[in-house]
Amino acid sequence: MNKSIICLFAALVLFLACKNDEVVPKPEILLSEENYINLIIELQLLDALVYTSENELNTDSLISEVYDLYNTNQEIFSTSHLYYQSKPDEQAVRIDSALKKIEREQKRLNQIEDGSD
């Protein structure tokens, strides 16, 4: 009896997980994919700066400045992030795009650094 209930519950979870209905509704204010990708890049670079810095940084102030740069706020970013993450295949493409942008910028900076020797 218990195994039947567990199997039924597992089947129900699997069925609901595979359903094509939009689980996370589109927010009223959704960041464009371009701004979303750029914000992910900025926030990851900021995280790396904070992690590697020997100086104490005011992280909240820096994050606020990043949001201001893109005329947004944490709530809009968070709801956009949740929505975009609810579509894993598309989110993988966005993350890949962000990584490619970072790689291009790193190459550009390396070329500048190599040229100044």
C-alpha atoms as a PDB file:
ATOM      1  CA  MET A   1       0.000   0.000   0.000  1.00  0.00           C
ATOM      2  CA  ASN A   2       2.751   2.494   0.961  1.00  0.00           C
ATOM      3  CA  LYS A   3       4.710   1.627  -2.189  1.00  0.00           C
ATOM      4  CA  SER A   4       1.609   2.320  -4.289  1.00  0.00           C
ATOM      5  CA  ILE A   5       1.153   5.740  -2.719  1.00  0.00           C
ATOM      6  CA  ILE A   6       4.832   6.566  -3.198  1.00  0.00           C
ATOM      7  CA  CYS A   7       4.708   5.454  -6.851  1.00  0.00           C
ATOM      8  CA  LEU A   8       1.521   7.437  -7.427  1.00  0.00           C
ATOM      9  CA  PHE A   9       3.064  10.524  -5.830  1.00  0.00           C
ATOM     10  CA  ALA A  10       6.262  10.121  -7.885  1.00  0.00           C
ATOM     11  CA  ALA A  11       4.224   9.751 -11.078  1.00  0.00           C
ATOM     12  CA  LEU A  12       2.220  12.869 -10.217  1.00  0.00           C
ATOM     13  CA  VAL A  13       5.388  14.883  -9.571  1.00  0.00           C
ATOM     14  CA  LEU A  14       6.879  13.649 -12.833  1.00  0.00           C
ATOM     15  CA  PHE A  15       3.691  14.492 -14.732  1.00  0.00           C
ATOM     16  CA  LEU A  16       3.552  18.010 -13.281  1.00  0.00           C
ATOM     17  CA  ALA A  17       7.244  18.589 -13.955  1.00  0.00           C
ATOM     18  CA  CYS A  18       6.834  17.621 -17.614  1.00  0.00           C
ATOM     19  CA  LYS A  19       3.728  19.698 -18.193  1.00  0.00           C
ATOM     20  CA  ASN A  20       4.262  22.471 -20.772  1.00  0.00           C
ATOM     21  CA  ASP A  21       2.216  25.097 -18.917  1.00  0.00           C
ATOM     22  CA  GLU A  22       4.170  28.134 -17.837  1.00  0.00           C
ATOM     23  CA  VAL A  23       5.019  27.524 -14.180  1.00  0.00           C
ATOM     24  CA  VAL A  24       6.546  30.961 -13.642  1.00  0.00           C
ATOM     25  CA  PRO A  25       4.331  33.635 -15.162  1.00  0.00           C
ATOM     26  CA  LYS A  26       5.920  36.403 -17.185  1.00  0.00           C
ATOM     27  CA  PRO A  27       6.421  39.394 -14.866  1.00  0.00           C
ATOM     28  CA  GLU A  28       4.736  42.699 -15.688  1.00  0.00           C
ATOM     29  CA  ILE A  29       8.166  44.318 -15.939  1.00  0.00           C
ATOM     30  CA  LEU A  30      10.629  41.972 -17.637  1.00  0.00           C
ATOM     31  CA  LEU A  31      14.204  42.955 -18.374  1.00  0.00           C
ATOM     32  CA  SER A  32      15.131  42.577 -22.019  1.00  0.00           C
ATOM     33  CA  GLU A  33      17.333  39.550 -22.625  1.00  0.00           C
ATOM     34  CA  GLU A  34      20.221  41.864 -23.569  1.00  0.00           C
ATOM     35  CA  ASN A  35      19.982  43.840 -20.318  1.00  0.00           C
ATOM     36  CA  TYR A  36      19.468  40.650 -18.341  1.00  0.00           C
ATOM     37  CA  ILE A  37      22.606  39.088 -19.831  1.00  0.00           C
ATOM     38  CA  ASN A  38      24.606  42.260 -19.242  1.00  0.00           C
ATOM     39  CA  LEU A  39      23.393  42.421 -15.651  1.00  0.00           C
ATOM     40  CA  ILE A  40      24.403  38.814 -15.052  1.00  0.00           C
ATOM     41  CA  ILE A  41      27.866  39.646 -16.366  1.00  0.00           C
ATOM     42  CA  GLU A  42      28.169  42.785 -14.238  1.00  0.00           C
ATOM     43  CA  LEU A  43      26.971  41.022 -11.086  1.00  0.00           C
ATOM     44  CA  GLN A  44      29.344  38.083 -11.630  1.00  0.00           C
ATOM     45  CA  LEU A  45      32.279  40.431 -12.207  1.00  0.00           C
ATOM     46  CA  LEU A  46      31.304  42.361  -9.081  1.00  0.00           C
ATOM     47  CA  ASP A  47      31.155  39.111  -7.128  1.00  0.00           C
ATOM     48  CA  ALA A  48      34.641  38.206  -8.369  1.00  0.00           C
ATOM     49  CA  LEU A  49      35.923  41.665  -7.407  1.00  0.00           C
ATOM     50  CA  VAL A  50      34.505  41.394  -3.906  1.00  0.00           C
ATOM     51  CA  TYR A  51      35.848  37.848  -3.523  1.00  0.00           C
ATOM     52  CA  THR A  52      39.387  38.727  -4.657  1.00  0.00           C
ATOM     53  CA  SER A  53      39.692  42.215  -3.178  1.00  0.00           C
ATOM     54  CA  GLU A  54      41.948  42.719  -0.208  1.00  0.00           C
ATOM     55  CA  ASN A  55      39.986  45.849   0.683  1.00  0.00           C
ATOM     56  CA  GLU A  56      36.602  45.829   2.308  1.00  0.00           C
ATOM     57  CA  LEU A  57      34.034  46.887  -0.267  1.00  0.00           C
ATOM     58  CA  ASN A  58      30.507  48.163   0.243  1.00  0.00           C
ATOM     59  CA  THR A  59      28.846  45.411  -1.778  1.00  0.00           C
ATOM     60  CA  ASP A  60      25.301  46.732  -1.392  1.00  0.00           C
ATOM     61  CA  SER A  61      26.319  50.125  -2.735  1.00  0.00           C
ATOM     62  CA  LEU A  62      28.135  48.575  -5.688  1.00  0.00           C
ATOM     63  CA  ILE A  63      25.189  46.324  -6.540  1.00  0.00           C
ATOM     64  CA  SER A  64      22.873  49.323  -6.342  1.00  0.00           C
ATOM     65  CA  GLU A  65      25.120  51.182  -8.793  1.00  0.00           C
ATOM     66  CA  VAL A  66      25.006  48.253 -11.210  1.00  0.00           C
ATOM     67  CA  TYR A  67      21.200  48.209 -11.057  1.00  0.00           C
ATOM     68  CA  ASP A  68      21.148  51.991 -11.577  1.00  0.00           C
ATOM     69  CA  LEU A  69      23.369  51.615 -14.632  1.00  0.00           C
ATOM     70  CA  TYR A  70      20.641  49.474 -16.233  1.00  0.00           C
ATOM     71  CA  ASN A  71      17.740  51.550 -14.862  1.00  0.00           C
ATOM     72  CA  THR A  72      16.412  48.663 -12.821  1.00  0.00           C
ATOM     73  CA  ASN A  73      16.333  47.355  -9.258  1.00  0.00           C
ATOM     74  CA  GLN A  74      16.742  44.109  -7.362  1.00  0.00           C
ATOM     75  CA  GLU A  75      13.046  43.225  -7.512  1.00  0.00           C
ATOM     76  CA  ILE A  76      12.846  43.578 -11.299  1.00  0.00           C
ATOM     77  CA  PHE A  77      16.084  41.659 -11.736  1.00  0.00           C
ATOM     78  CA  SER A  78      14.939  38.892  -9.372  1.00  0.00           C
ATOM     79  CA  THR A  79      11.555  38.408 -11.035  1.00  0.00           C
ATOM     80  CA  SER A  80      13.174  38.494 -14.492  1.00  0.00           C
ATOM     81  CA  HIS A  81      15.829  36.025 -13.332  1.00  0.00           C
ATOM     82  CA  LEU A  82      13.205  33.651 -11.935  1.00  0.00           C
ATOM     83  CA  TYR A  83      11.213  33.830 -15.158  1.00  0.00           C
ATOM     84  CA  TYR A  84      14.227  33.308 -17.422  1.00  0.00           C
ATOM     85  CA  GLN A  85      15.486  30.421 -15.269  1.00  0.00           C
ATOM     86  CA  SER A  86      12.127  28.685 -15.619  1.00  0.00           C
ATOM     87  CA  LYS A  87      13.049  28.026 -19.259  1.00  0.00           C
ATOM     88  CA  PRO A  88      16.274  25.998 -18.859  1.00  0.00           C
ATOM     89  CA  ASP A  89      17.086  25.485 -22.547  1.00  0.00           C
ATOM     90  CA  GLU A  90      16.757  29.179 -23.316  1.00  0.00           C
ATOM     91  CA  GLN A  91      18.598  30.088 -20.108  1.00  0.00           C
ATOM     92  CA  ALA A  92      21.527  27.904 -21.172  1.00  0.00           C
ATOM     93  CA  VAL A  93      21.746  29.950 -24.381  1.00  0.00           C
ATOM     94  CA  ARG A  94      21.688  33.201 -22.379  1.00  0.00           C
ATOM     95  CA  ILE A  95      24.412  31.959 -20.028  1.00  0.00           C
ATOM     96  CA  ASP A  96      26.495  30.830 -22.998  1.00  0.00           C
ATOM     97  CA  SER A  97      26.069  34.292 -24.503  1.00  0.00           C
ATOM     98  CA  ALA A  98      27.235  35.891 -21.249  1.00  0.00           C
ATOM     99  CA  LEU A  99      30.300  33.643 -21.136  1.00  0.00           C
ATOM    100  CA  LYS A 100      31.171  34.496 -24.741  1.00  0.00           C
ATOM    101  CA  LYS A 101      30.912  38.212 -23.982  1.00  0.00           C
ATOM    102  CA  ILE A 102      33.245  37.797 -21.018  1.00  0.00           C
ATOM    103  CA  GLU A 103      35.718  35.818 -23.136  1.00  0.00           C
ATOM    104  CA  ARG A 104      35.682  38.489 -25.882  1.00  0.00           C
ATOM    105  CA  GLU A 105      36.291  41.229 -23.325  1.00  0.00           C
ATOM    106  CA  GLN A 106      39.108  39.216 -21.722  1.00  0.00           C
ATOM    107  CA  LYS A 107      40.769  38.773 -25.130  1.00  0.00           C
ATOM    108  CA  ARG A 108      40.417  42.497 -25.811  1.00  0.00           C
ATOM    109  CA  LEU A 109      41.985  43.378 -22.469  1.00  0.00           C
ATOM    110  CA  ASN A 110      44.795  40.879 -23.027  1.00  0.00           C
ATOM    111  CA  GLN A 111      45.542  42.459 -26.402  1.00  0.00           C
ATOM    112  CA  ILE A 112      45.672  45.914 -24.841  1.00  0.00           C
ATOM    113  CA  GLU A 113      47.955  44.621 -22.085  1.00  0.00           C
ATOM    114  CA  ASP A 114      50.230  42.844 -24.596  1.00  0.00           C
ATOM    115  CA  GLY A 115      50.430  45.984 -26.738  1.00  0.00           C
ATOM    116  CA  SER A 116      51.539  48.162 -23.824  1.00  0.00           C
ATOM    117  CA  ASP A 117      54.669  46.121 -22.997  1.00  0.00           C
END
